[in-house]
Amino acid sequence: MKQTHPTGRALQPSGVASSVASSAVTPRALTAESLRVRLADFIELTKLRISALVLVVTAVGFCLGAADGIDAVLLFHTLLGTALTAAAANTLNQLMEREYDRLMPRTMDRPIAAGRVSVTEALVFGLVCAVFGLLVLTLFVNVLAAMLSAATIALYLFVYTPLKRLTSANTLVGAVPGALPPLIGYAGSAGELGPWAWLLFAILFVWQLPHFFAIAWMYRDDYRLGGYRMLSVVDPTGRRLIRQTIGYSLLLVAVSLLPWLLGYTGTIGAATAILLGAVWMFYCMRMARHLSHATARAMLLVSVIYLPILLVFLLLNRVGA
């Protein structure tokens, strides 16, 4: 017999009720889950961790260029425009390298390489980010900041990206667009490029070389599979990589002291640069004595910690602050 509820309504068998409830809820759950996954894929295209570091150095540049005080709204627009253009460059770079990404274990699961984001979707997303980022900088910041952002995208995509498959000098060339964000920040607040802008450019340019040499050694097998002519691939012994890592590390320590030598920062800034430089050189020499994935990874982590600490201390201890 059919069971009834006290109110008189017929009760469904438990299995049927479960099935009905499931069919009513599952589409929504699947839709929410698919949206979450899609959003995660597009966020991954922007290389969020790299973009976060870009925004830190951009903000430092902005603050050093703000002689009359920090305009919070102007800073917001500068960071927003820079974030969008950085997202565009990272997305379009992955679009251009999708075939090679599929060859490397480290990158084969990236959204475009894995097929979760189509070529058309990536192209539209990248171009929209670029256009809106440059519009924000042009309309709400200034033309100089927009031009520097456009130059960053162009150099990254059309110079550095193809050079990665042609010459091991690609890292040196790629350090140029990588060092432009603090100039964007400085231009955003000052409307021009003063001495501090070029000091930040020099620090960031030199910092990138040991930083990327460590990455190149950690993932040398991947780069070989992908056909990239990184220094760790063309010189599998690592001798040239170590020589250049030590050389650029010593140069970084010297460049980090330039603000103090030129009178733009006080003794605390100089002491911080020396202390951080000593820590940097310790890990650099450790990597040189025993080149391995572990020592390269330690060098990489130190480099990521080193840069924001150095820049913040230079900012806080600048003369005339």
C-alpha atoms as a PDB file:
ATOM      1  CA  MET A   1       0.000   0.000   0.000  1.00  0.00           C
ATOM      2  CA  LYS A   2       1.036   3.583  -0.595  1.00  0.00           C
ATOM      3  CA  GLN A   3       2.103   5.333   2.602  1.00  0.00           C
ATOM      4  CA  THR A   4       0.694   8.732   3.420  1.00  0.00           C
ATOM      5  CA  HIS A   5       1.878  11.714   5.400  1.00  0.00           C
ATOM      6  CA  PRO A   6      -0.307  12.733   8.394  1.00  0.00           C
ATOM      7  CA  THR A   7      -1.506  15.627   6.249  1.00  0.00           C
ATOM      8  CA  GLY A   8      -2.822  13.138   3.721  1.00  0.00           C
ATOM      9  CA  ARG A   9      -0.120  13.628   1.020  1.00  0.00           C
ATOM     10  CA  ALA A  10       1.333  10.479  -0.453  1.00  0.00           C
ATOM     11  CA  LEU A  11       4.920   9.677   0.587  1.00  0.00           C
ATOM     12  CA  GLN A  12       7.448   8.747  -2.082  1.00  0.00           C
ATOM     13  CA  PRO A  13       9.681   5.740  -1.450  1.00  0.00           C
ATOM     14  CA  SER A  14      12.985   6.894   0.057  1.00  0.00           C
ATOM     15  CA  GLY A  15      14.954   5.996  -3.069  1.00  0.00           C
ATOM     16  CA  VAL A  16      12.640   7.984  -5.328  1.00  0.00           C
ATOM     17  CA  ALA A  17      12.669  10.944  -2.956  1.00  0.00           C
ATOM     18  CA  SER A  18      16.430  10.860  -2.881  1.00  0.00           C
ATOM     19  CA  SER A  19      16.573  10.746  -6.667  1.00  0.00           C
ATOM     20  CA  VAL A  20      14.148  13.642  -7.054  1.00  0.00           C
ATOM     21  CA  ALA A  21      16.051  15.760  -4.527  1.00  0.00           C
ATOM     22  CA  SER A  22      19.310  14.946  -6.254  1.00  0.00           C
ATOM     23  CA  SER A  23      17.973  15.892  -9.674  1.00  0.00           C
ATOM     24  CA  ALA A  24      16.747  19.196  -8.279  1.00  0.00           C
ATOM     25  CA  VAL A  25      19.996  20.160  -6.535  1.00  0.00           C
ATOM     26  CA  THR A  26      22.744  18.727  -8.707  1.00  0.00           C
ATOM     27  CA  PRO A  27      22.434  21.130 -11.692  1.00  0.00           C
ATOM     28  CA  ARG A  28      22.871  24.129  -9.395  1.00  0.00           C
ATOM     29  CA  ALA A  29      25.762  22.485  -7.600  1.00  0.00           C
ATOM     30  CA  LEU A  30      27.400  21.586 -10.881  1.00  0.00           C
ATOM     31  CA  THR A  31      26.896  25.085 -12.227  1.00  0.00           C
ATOM     32  CA  ALA A  32      28.421  26.672  -9.121  1.00  0.00           C
ATOM     33  CA  GLU A  33      31.321  24.235  -9.205  1.00  0.00           C
ATOM     34  CA  SER A  34      31.958  24.763 -12.910  1.00  0.00           C
ATOM     35  CA  LEU A  35      31.934  28.535 -12.430  1.00  0.00           C
ATOM     36  CA  ARG A  36      34.402  28.197  -9.582  1.00  0.00           C
ATOM     37  CA  VAL A  37      36.708  26.046 -11.698  1.00  0.00           C
ATOM     38  CA  ARG A  38      36.444  28.417 -14.663  1.00  0.00           C
ATOM     39  CA  LEU A  39      37.206  31.412 -12.473  1.00  0.00           C
ATOM     40  CA  ALA A  40      40.209  29.595 -11.012  1.00  0.00           C
ATOM     41  CA  ASP A  41      41.505  28.897 -14.527  1.00  0.00           C
ATOM     42  CA  PHE A  42      41.289  32.533 -15.577  1.00  0.00           C
ATOM     43  CA  ILE A  43      42.950  33.632 -12.341  1.00  0.00           C
ATOM     44  CA  GLU A  44      45.716  31.128 -13.057  1.00  0.00           C
ATOM     45  CA  LEU A  45      46.227  32.741 -16.463  1.00  0.00           C
ATOM     46  CA  THR A  46      47.150  35.997 -14.714  1.00  0.00           C
ATOM     47  CA  LYS A  47      49.960  34.300 -12.704  1.00  0.00           C
ATOM     48  CA  LEU A  48      48.650  35.837  -9.518  1.00  0.00           C
ATOM     49  CA  ARG A  49      51.790  35.430  -7.396  1.00  0.00           C
ATOM     50  CA  ILE A  50      54.009  37.075  -9.999  1.00  0.00           C
ATOM     51  CA  SER A  51      51.452  39.845 -10.496  1.00  0.00           C
ATOM     52  CA  ALA A  52      51.349  40.444  -6.736  1.00  0.00           C
ATOM     53  CA  LEU A  53      55.112  41.086  -6.678  1.00  0.00           C
ATOM     54  CA  VAL A  54      54.714  43.382  -9.692  1.00  0.00           C
ATOM     55  CA  LEU A  55      52.148  45.420  -7.748  1.00  0.00           C
ATOM     56  CA  VAL A  56      54.449  45.660  -4.719  1.00  0.00           C
ATOM     57  CA  VAL A  57      57.298  47.183  -6.738  1.00  0.00           C
ATOM     58  CA  THR A  58      54.836  49.410  -8.601  1.00  0.00           C
ATOM     59  CA  ALA A  59      53.467  50.702  -5.298  1.00  0.00           C
ATOM     60  CA  VAL A  60      56.984  51.393  -3.994  1.00  0.00           C
ATOM     61  CA  GLY A  61      57.774  53.317  -7.164  1.00  0.00           C
ATOM     62  CA  PHE A  62      54.543  55.300  -6.803  1.00  0.00           C
ATOM     63  CA  CYS A  63      55.296  56.211  -3.187  1.00  0.00           C
ATOM     64  CA  LEU A  64      58.853  57.311  -3.996  1.00  0.00           C
ATOM     65  CA  GLY A  65      57.522  59.546  -6.761  1.00  0.00           C
ATOM     66  CA  ALA A  66      54.822  61.116  -4.594  1.00  0.00           C
ATOM     67  CA  ALA A  67      56.686  64.200  -3.379  1.00  0.00           C
ATOM     68  CA  ASP A  68      53.513  65.986  -2.211  1.00  0.00           C
ATOM     69  CA  GLY A  69      51.899  63.076  -0.406  1.00  0.00           C
ATOM     70  CA  ILE A  70      50.217  59.902  -1.557  1.00  0.00           C
ATOM     71  CA  ASP A  71      46.971  60.269  -3.472  1.00  0.00           C
ATOM     72  CA  ALA A  72      45.096  57.066  -2.572  1.00  0.00           C
ATOM     73  CA  VAL A  73      42.734  57.253  -5.552  1.00  0.00           C
ATOM     74  CA  LEU A  74      45.605  57.805  -7.974  1.00  0.00           C
ATOM     75  CA  LEU A  75      47.506  54.907  -6.388  1.00  0.00           C
ATOM     76  CA  PHE A  76      44.446  52.671  -6.791  1.00  0.00           C
ATOM     77  CA  HIS A  77      44.114  53.498 -10.483  1.00  0.00           C
ATOM     78  CA  THR A  78      47.847  53.004 -11.040  1.00  0.00           C
ATOM     79  CA  LEU A  79      47.764  49.576  -9.413  1.00  0.00           C
ATOM     80  CA  LEU A  80      44.525  48.607 -11.167  1.00  0.00           C
ATOM     81  CA  GLY A  81      45.871  49.529 -14.585  1.00  0.00           C
ATOM     82  CA  THR A  82      49.185  47.782 -13.886  1.00  0.00           C
ATOM     83  CA  ALA A  83      47.409  44.657 -12.609  1.00  0.00           C
ATOM     84  CA  LEU A  84      45.282  44.451 -15.749  1.00  0.00           C
ATOM     85  CA  THR A  85      48.224  44.926 -18.113  1.00  0.00           C
ATOM     86  CA  ALA A  86      50.280  42.362 -16.165  1.00  0.00           C
ATOM     87  CA  ALA A  87      47.370  39.917 -16.437  1.00  0.00           C
ATOM     88  CA  ALA A  88      47.220  40.600 -20.167  1.00  0.00           C
ATOM     89  CA  ALA A  89      50.941  39.970 -20.686  1.00  0.00           C
ATOM     90  CA  ASN A  90      50.866  36.739 -18.677  1.00  0.00           C
ATOM     91  CA  THR A  91      47.760  35.447 -20.445  1.00  0.00           C
ATOM     92  CA  LEU A  92      48.964  36.241 -23.951  1.00  0.00           C
ATOM     93  CA  ASN A  93      52.384  34.767 -23.161  1.00  0.00           C
ATOM     94  CA  GLN A  94      50.751  31.460 -22.200  1.00  0.00           C
ATOM     95  CA  LEU A  95      48.670  31.642 -25.360  1.00  0.00           C
ATOM     96  CA  MET A  96      51.789  32.060 -27.496  1.00  0.00           C
ATOM     97  CA  GLU A  97      53.625  29.242 -25.710  1.00  0.00           C
ATOM     98  CA  ARG A  98      50.754  26.776 -25.340  1.00  0.00           C
ATOM     99  CA  GLU A  99      52.300  24.147 -27.649  1.00  0.00           C
ATOM    100  CA  TYR A 100      55.575  24.223 -25.721  1.00  0.00           C
ATOM    101  CA  ASP A 101      53.816  24.242 -22.355  1.00  0.00           C
ATOM    102  CA  ARG A 102      52.263  20.897 -23.278  1.00  0.00           C
ATOM    103  CA  LEU A 103      55.765  19.395 -23.544  1.00  0.00           C
ATOM    104  CA  MET A 104      56.850  20.301 -20.021  1.00  0.00           C
ATOM    105  CA  PRO A 105      55.563  18.591 -16.854  1.00  0.00           C
ATOM    106  CA  ARG A 106      55.712  21.902 -14.960  1.00  0.00           C
ATOM    107  CA  THR A 107      53.390  23.684 -17.375  1.00  0.00           C
ATOM    108  CA  MET A 108      51.338  21.027 -19.165  1.00  0.00           C
ATOM    109  CA  ASP A 109      48.392  21.551 -16.804  1.00  0.00           C
ATOM    110  CA  ARG A 110      48.152  25.288 -17.421  1.00  0.00           C
ATOM    111  CA  PRO A 111      44.606  26.235 -18.507  1.00  0.00           C
ATOM    112  CA  ILE A 112      45.334  26.868 -22.187  1.00  0.00           C
ATOM    113  CA  ALA A 113      47.844  24.025 -22.594  1.00  0.00           C
ATOM    114  CA  ALA A 114      45.436  21.591 -20.939  1.00  0.00           C
ATOM    115  CA  GLY A 115      42.522  22.773 -23.077  1.00  0.00           C
ATOM    116  CA  ARG A 116      40.369  24.054 -20.217  1.00  0.00           C
ATOM    117  CA  VAL A 117      40.511  27.562 -21.706  1.00  0.00           C
ATOM    118  CA  SER A 118      40.232  27.839 -25.475  1.00  0.00           C
ATOM    119  CA  VAL A 119      42.530  29.892 -27.682  1.00  0.00           C
ATOM    120  CA  THR A 120      39.692  32.311 -28.453  1.00  0.00           C
ATOM    121  CA  GLU A 121      38.775  32.733 -24.788  1.00  0.00           C
ATOM    122  CA  ALA A 122      42.394  33.376 -23.820  1.00  0.00           C
ATOM    123  CA  LEU A 123      42.883  35.852 -26.660  1.00  0.00           C
ATOM    124  CA  VAL A 124      39.728  37.802 -25.774  1.00  0.00           C
ATOM    125  CA  PHE A 125      40.555  37.779 -22.059  1.00  0.00           C
ATOM    126  CA  GLY A 126      44.130  38.934 -22.669  1.00  0.00           C
ATOM    127  CA  LEU A 127      43.148  41.688 -25.086  1.00  0.00           C
ATOM    128  CA  VAL A 128      40.330  42.945 -22.857  1.00  0.00           C
ATOM    129  CA  CYS A 129      42.713  43.124 -19.882  1.00  0.00           C
ATOM    130  CA  ALA A 130      45.275  44.984 -22.003  1.00  0.00           C
ATOM    131  CA  VAL A 131      42.789  47.484 -23.413  1.00  0.00           C
ATOM    132  CA  PHE A 132      41.091  48.233 -20.100  1.00  0.00           C
ATOM    133  CA  GLY A 133      44.416  48.398 -18.254  1.00  0.00           C
ATOM    134  CA  LEU A 134      45.854  50.890 -20.703  1.00  0.00           C
ATOM    135  CA  LEU A 135      42.604  52.899 -20.698  1.00  0.00           C
ATOM    136  CA  VAL A 136      42.629  53.112 -16.895  1.00  0.00           C
ATOM    137  CA  LEU A 137      46.227  54.338 -16.913  1.00  0.00           C
ATOM    138  CA  THR A 138      45.630  56.814 -19.750  1.00  0.00           C
ATOM    139  CA  LEU A 139      42.365  58.286 -18.445  1.00  0.00           C
ATOM    140  CA  PHE A 140      42.896  58.178 -14.687  1.00  0.00           C
ATOM    141  CA  VAL A 141      46.689  58.293 -14.258  1.00  0.00           C
ATOM    142  CA  ASN A 142      48.763  59.728 -17.115  1.00  0.00           C
ATOM    143  CA  VAL A 143      50.010  58.973 -20.608  1.00  0.00           C
ATOM    144  CA  LEU A 144      53.581  58.231 -19.496  1.00  0.00           C
ATOM    145  CA  ALA A 145      52.451  55.441 -17.181  1.00  0.00           C
ATOM    146  CA  ALA A 146      50.291  54.016 -19.981  1.00  0.00           C
ATOM    147  CA  MET A 147      53.169  54.148 -22.461  1.00  0.00           C
ATOM    148  CA  LEU A 148      55.490  52.349 -20.054  1.00  0.00           C
ATOM    149  CA  SER A 149      52.849  49.644 -19.516  1.00  0.00           C
ATOM    150  CA  ALA A 150      52.380  49.259 -23.271  1.00  0.00           C
ATOM    151  CA  ALA A 151      56.160  48.962 -23.676  1.00  0.00           C
ATOM    152  CA  THR A 152      56.226  46.286 -20.975  1.00  0.00           C
ATOM    153  CA  ILE A 153      53.622  44.199 -22.804  1.00  0.00           C
ATOM    154  CA  ALA A 154      55.301  44.644 -26.184  1.00  0.00           C
ATOM    155  CA  LEU A 155      58.813  43.784 -24.971  1.00  0.00           C
ATOM    156  CA  TYR A 156      57.592  40.802 -22.989  1.00  0.00           C
ATOM    157  CA  LEU A 157      55.500  39.285 -25.768  1.00  0.00           C
ATOM    158  CA  PHE A 158      57.322  40.216 -28.955  1.00  0.00           C
ATOM    159  CA  VAL A 159      60.973  40.352 -27.866  1.00  0.00           C
ATOM    160  CA  TYR A 160      61.542  38.217 -24.772  1.00  0.00           C
ATOM    161  CA  THR A 161      59.083  35.398 -25.557  1.00  0.00           C
ATOM    162  CA  PRO A 162      60.485  34.490 -29.020  1.00  0.00           C
ATOM    163  CA  LEU A 163      64.088  34.942 -27.808  1.00  0.00           C
ATOM    164  CA  LYS A 164      63.608  32.161 -25.259  1.00  0.00           C
ATOM    165  CA  ARG A 165      63.868  29.664 -28.111  1.00  0.00           C
ATOM    166  CA  LEU A 166      66.769  31.400 -29.857  1.00  0.00           C
ATOM    167  CA  THR A 167      69.428  32.413 -27.325  1.00  0.00           C
ATOM    168  CA  SER A 168      70.360  32.022 -23.668  1.00  0.00           C
ATOM    169  CA  ALA A 169      70.672  35.825 -23.553  1.00  0.00           C
ATOM    170  CA  ASN A 170      66.859  35.885 -23.325  1.00  0.00           C
ATOM    171  CA  THR A 171      67.067  36.231 -19.530  1.00  0.00           C
ATOM    172  CA  LEU A 172      69.114  39.425 -19.829  1.00  0.00           C
ATOM    173  CA  VAL A 173      66.683  40.854 -22.396  1.00  0.00           C
ATOM    174  CA  GLY A 174      63.638  39.741 -20.411  1.00  0.00           C
ATOM    175  CA  ALA A 175      64.916  41.591 -17.353  1.00  0.00           C
ATOM    176  CA  VAL A 176      64.140  44.891 -19.125  1.00  0.00           C
ATOM    177  CA  PRO A 177      60.320  44.592 -19.217  1.00  0.00           C
ATOM    178  CA  GLY A 178      60.528  42.919 -15.809  1.00  0.00           C
ATOM    179  CA  ALA A 179      62.163  46.050 -14.378  1.00  0.00           C
ATOM    180  CA  LEU A 180      59.627  48.534 -15.798  1.00  0.00           C
ATOM    181  CA  PRO A 181      56.821  48.262 -13.171  1.00  0.00           C
ATOM    182  CA  PRO A 182      58.517  50.558 -10.607  1.00  0.00           C
ATOM    183  CA  LEU A 183      58.906  53.117 -13.402  1.00  0.00           C
ATOM    184  CA  ILE A 184      55.174  52.828 -14.087  1.00  0.00           C
ATOM    185  CA  GLY A 185      54.491  53.457 -10.417  1.00  0.00           C
ATOM    186  CA  TYR A 186      56.872  56.409 -10.212  1.00  0.00           C
ATOM    187  CA  ALA A 187      55.447  57.933 -13.391  1.00  0.00           C
ATOM    188  CA  GLY A 188      51.953  57.393 -12.009  1.00  0.00           C
ATOM    189  CA  SER A 189      52.545  59.762  -9.109  1.00  0.00           C
ATOM    190  CA  ALA A 190      55.252  62.102 -10.428  1.00  0.00           C
ATOM    191  CA  GLY A 191      54.286  62.315 -14.083  1.00  0.00           C
ATOM    192  CA  GLU A 192      57.976  61.944 -14.998  1.00  0.00           C
ATOM    193  CA  LEU A 193      60.949  59.666 -14.351  1.00  0.00           C
ATOM    194  CA  GLY A 194      63.304  60.956 -11.660  1.00  0.00           C
ATOM    195  CA  PRO A 195      66.494  59.453 -10.163  1.00  0.00           C
ATOM    196  CA  TRP A 196      64.604  57.143  -7.800  1.00  0.00           C
ATOM    197  CA  ALA A 197      62.782  55.580 -10.761  1.00  0.00           C
ATOM    198  CA  TRP A 198      66.061  54.635 -12.435  1.00  0.00           C
ATOM    199  CA  LEU A 199      67.564  53.373  -9.168  1.00  0.00           C
ATOM    200  CA  LEU A 200      64.589  51.052  -8.727  1.00  0.00           C
ATOM    201  CA  PHE A 201      64.901  49.965 -12.347  1.00  0.00           C
ATOM    202  CA  ALA A 202      68.582  49.095 -11.813  1.00  0.00           C
ATOM    203  CA  ILE A 203      67.899  47.141  -8.626  1.00  0.00           C
ATOM    204  CA  LEU A 204      65.043  45.169 -10.155  1.00  0.00           C
ATOM    205  CA  PHE A 205      66.928  44.533 -13.404  1.00  0.00           C
ATOM    206  CA  VAL A 206      69.957  43.025 -11.656  1.00  0.00           C
ATOM    207  CA  TRP A 207      67.826  41.160  -9.065  1.00  0.00           C
ATOM    208  CA  GLN A 208      65.990  39.253 -11.777  1.00  0.00           C
ATOM    209  CA  LEU A 209      69.094  37.566 -13.194  1.00  0.00           C
ATOM    210  CA  PRO A 210      70.135  35.388 -10.211  1.00  0.00           C
ATOM    211  CA  HIS A 211      66.439  34.912  -9.454  1.00  0.00           C
ATOM    212  CA  PHE A 212      65.756  33.429 -12.882  1.00  0.00           C
ATOM    213  CA  PHE A 213      69.046  31.513 -13.002  1.00  0.00           C
ATOM    214  CA  ALA A 214      67.838  29.626  -9.919  1.00  0.00           C
ATOM    215  CA  ILE A 215      64.523  28.869 -11.642  1.00  0.00           C
ATOM    216  CA  ALA A 216      66.347  27.824 -14.817  1.00  0.00           C
ATOM    217  CA  TRP A 217      68.433  25.291 -12.908  1.00  0.00           C
ATOM    218  CA  MET A 218      65.470  23.893 -10.974  1.00  0.00           C
ATOM    219  CA  TYR A 219      63.491  23.280 -14.172  1.00  0.00           C
ATOM    220  CA  ARG A 220      66.319  22.678 -16.653  1.00  0.00           C
ATOM    221  CA  ASP A 221      64.852  19.328 -17.748  1.00  0.00           C
ATOM    222  CA  ASP A 222      61.505  20.969 -18.481  1.00  0.00           C
ATOM    223  CA  TYR A 223      63.131  23.751 -20.471  1.00  0.00           C
ATOM    224  CA  ARG A 224      65.070  21.183 -22.461  1.00  0.00           C
ATOM    225  CA  LEU A 225      61.874  19.311 -23.298  1.00  0.00           C
ATOM    226  CA  GLY A 226      60.184  22.562 -24.289  1.00  0.00           C
ATOM    227  CA  GLY A 227      63.032  23.596 -26.561  1.00  0.00           C
ATOM    228  CA  TYR A 228      63.981  26.717 -24.598  1.00  0.00           C
ATOM    229  CA  ARG A 229      67.590  27.856 -24.791  1.00  0.00           C
ATOM    230  CA  MET A 230      68.021  28.769 -21.159  1.00  0.00           C
ATOM    231  CA  LEU A 231      71.541  29.014 -19.733  1.00  0.00           C
ATOM    232  CA  SER A 232      70.977  25.828 -17.738  1.00  0.00           C
ATOM    233  CA  VAL A 233      70.147  23.982 -20.991  1.00  0.00           C
ATOM    234  CA  VAL A 234      72.991  25.220 -23.198  1.00  0.00           C
ATOM    235  CA  ASP A 235      75.461  24.706 -20.323  1.00  0.00           C
ATOM    236  CA  PRO A 236      74.340  21.524 -18.533  1.00  0.00           C
ATOM    237  CA  THR A 237      77.425  21.577 -16.278  1.00  0.00           C
ATOM    238  CA  GLY A 238      76.121  24.746 -14.607  1.00  0.00           C
ATOM    239  CA  ARG A 239      79.547  26.437 -14.604  1.00  0.00           C
ATOM    240  CA  ARG A 240      78.475  29.467 -16.627  1.00  0.00           C
ATOM    241  CA  LEU A 241      75.253  29.730 -14.662  1.00  0.00           C
ATOM    242  CA  ILE A 242      77.160  29.798 -11.359  1.00  0.00           C
ATOM    243  CA  ARG A 243      79.670  32.369 -12.599  1.00  0.00           C
ATOM    244  CA  GLN A 244      76.909  34.656 -13.777  1.00  0.00           C
ATOM    245  CA  THR A 245      74.859  34.111 -10.608  1.00  0.00           C
ATOM    246  CA  ILE A 246      77.817  35.133  -8.429  1.00  0.00           C
ATOM    247  CA  GLY A 247      78.691  38.078 -10.672  1.00  0.00           C
ATOM    248  CA  TYR A 248      75.171  39.508 -10.812  1.00  0.00           C
ATOM    249  CA  SER A 249      74.681  38.861  -7.081  1.00  0.00           C
ATOM    250  CA  LEU A 250      77.754  40.974  -6.268  1.00  0.00           C
ATOM    251  CA  LEU A 251      76.482  43.627  -8.657  1.00  0.00           C
ATOM    252  CA  LEU A 252      73.096  43.567  -6.912  1.00  0.00           C
ATOM    253  CA  VAL A 253      74.710  44.257  -3.529  1.00  0.00           C
ATOM    254  CA  ALA A 254      76.587  47.197  -5.068  1.00  0.00           C
ATOM    255  CA  VAL A 255      73.503  48.578  -6.840  1.00  0.00           C
ATOM    256  CA  SER A 256      71.416  48.280  -3.652  1.00  0.00           C
ATOM    257  CA  LEU A 257      73.864  50.683  -1.965  1.00  0.00           C
ATOM    258  CA  LEU A 258      73.591  53.309  -4.715  1.00  0.00           C
ATOM    259  CA  PRO A 259      70.639  55.141  -3.077  1.00  0.00           C
ATOM    260  CA  TRP A 260      72.783  55.636   0.051  1.00  0.00           C
ATOM    261  CA  LEU A 261      75.930  56.575  -1.886  1.00  0.00           C
ATOM    262  CA  LEU A 262      73.952  59.172  -3.855  1.00  0.00           C
ATOM    263  CA  GLY A 263      72.366  60.573  -0.701  1.00  0.00           C
ATOM    264  CA  TYR A 264      68.820  59.407  -1.361  1.00  0.00           C
ATOM    265  CA  THR A 265      68.540  57.208   1.730  1.00  0.00           C
ATOM    266  CA  GLY A 266      69.904  57.188   5.260  1.00  0.00           C
ATOM    267  CA  THR A 267      72.152  54.817   7.159  1.00  0.00           C
ATOM    268  CA  ILE A 268      69.284  52.469   8.046  1.00  0.00           C
ATOM    269  CA  GLY A 269      68.653  51.921   4.351  1.00  0.00           C
ATOM    270  CA  ALA A 270      72.353  51.235   3.796  1.00  0.00           C
ATOM    271  CA  ALA A 271      72.545  48.878   6.784  1.00  0.00           C
ATOM    272  CA  THR A 272      69.493  46.991   5.533  1.00  0.00           C
ATOM    273  CA  ALA A 273      71.015  46.668   2.061  1.00  0.00           C
ATOM    274  CA  ILE A 274      74.278  45.335   3.538  1.00  0.00           C
ATOM    275  CA  LEU A 275      72.535  42.866   5.849  1.00  0.00           C
ATOM    276  CA  LEU A 276      70.233  41.582   3.109  1.00  0.00           C
ATOM    277  CA  GLY A 277      73.188  41.432   0.731  1.00  0.00           C
ATOM    278  CA  ALA A 278      75.124  39.264   3.198  1.00  0.00           C
ATOM    279  CA  VAL A 279      72.196  36.834   3.466  1.00  0.00           C
ATOM    280  CA  TRP A 280      71.829  36.815  -0.323  1.00  0.00           C
ATOM    281  CA  MET A 281      75.538  36.070  -0.856  1.00  0.00           C
ATOM    282  CA  PHE A 282      75.464  33.272   1.729  1.00  0.00           C
ATOM    283  CA  TYR A 283      72.789  31.421  -0.231  1.00  0.00           C
ATOM    284  CA  CYS A 284      74.427  32.321  -3.531  1.00  0.00           C
ATOM    285  CA  MET A 285      77.747  30.770  -2.457  1.00  0.00           C
ATOM    286  CA  ARG A 286      75.918  27.794  -1.000  1.00  0.00           C
ATOM    287  CA  MET A 287      74.354  27.219  -4.408  1.00  0.00           C
ATOM    288  CA  ALA A 288      77.751  27.706  -6.073  1.00  0.00           C
ATOM    289  CA  ARG A 289      79.469  25.125  -3.850  1.00  0.00           C
ATOM    290  CA  HIS A 290      76.795  22.498  -4.365  1.00  0.00           C
ATOM    291  CA  LEU A 291      74.564  23.177  -7.347  1.00  0.00           C
ATOM    292  CA  SER A 292      71.338  21.213  -6.895  1.00  0.00           C
ATOM    293  CA  HIS A 293      67.586  21.558  -7.028  1.00  0.00           C
ATOM    294  CA  ALA A 294      67.525  22.160  -3.254  1.00  0.00           C
ATOM    295  CA  THR A 295      70.160  24.931  -3.203  1.00  0.00           C
ATOM    296  CA  ALA A 296      68.616  26.594  -6.273  1.00  0.00           C
ATOM    297  CA  ARG A 297      65.201  26.506  -4.610  1.00  0.00           C
ATOM    298  CA  ALA A 298      66.645  28.059  -1.435  1.00  0.00           C
ATOM    299  CA  MET A 299      68.202  30.799  -3.577  1.00  0.00           C
ATOM    300  CA  LEU A 300      64.861  31.389  -5.269  1.00  0.00           C
ATOM    301  CA  LEU A 301      63.005  31.715  -1.959  1.00  0.00           C
ATOM    302  CA  VAL A 302      65.627  34.103  -0.575  1.00  0.00           C
ATOM    303  CA  SER A 303      65.344  36.271  -3.688  1.00  0.00           C
ATOM    304  CA  VAL A 304      61.549  36.519  -3.313  1.00  0.00           C
ATOM    305  CA  ILE A 305      61.926  37.580   0.341  1.00  0.00           C
ATOM    306  CA  TYR A 306      64.871  39.904  -0.316  1.00  0.00           C
ATOM    307  CA  LEU A 307      63.296  42.251  -2.846  1.00  0.00           C
ATOM    308  CA  PRO A 308      60.191  43.544  -1.014  1.00  0.00           C
ATOM    309  CA  ILE A 309      62.110  43.937   2.265  1.00  0.00           C
ATOM    310  CA  LEU A 310      64.867  45.940   0.571  1.00  0.00           C
ATOM    311  CA  LEU A 311      62.441  48.195  -1.306  1.00  0.00           C
ATOM    312  CA  VAL A 312      60.265  48.870   1.737  1.00  0.00           C
ATOM    313  CA  PHE A 313      63.283  49.817   3.865  1.00  0.00           C
ATOM    314  CA  LEU A 314      64.621  52.099   1.127  1.00  0.00           C
ATOM    315  CA  LEU A 315      61.200  53.731   0.947  1.00  0.00           C
ATOM    316  CA  LEU A 316      60.879  54.198   4.709  1.00  0.00           C
ATOM    317  CA  ASN A 317      64.425  55.515   5.108  1.00  0.00           C
ATOM    318  CA  ARG A 318      64.578  57.808   2.082  1.00  0.00           C
ATOM    319  CA  VAL A 319      66.022  61.237   2.741  1.00  0.00           C
ATOM    320  CA  GLY A 320      63.356  63.919   2.888  1.00  0.00           C
ATOM    321  CA  ALA A 321      60.599  61.434   3.798  1.00  0.00           C
END
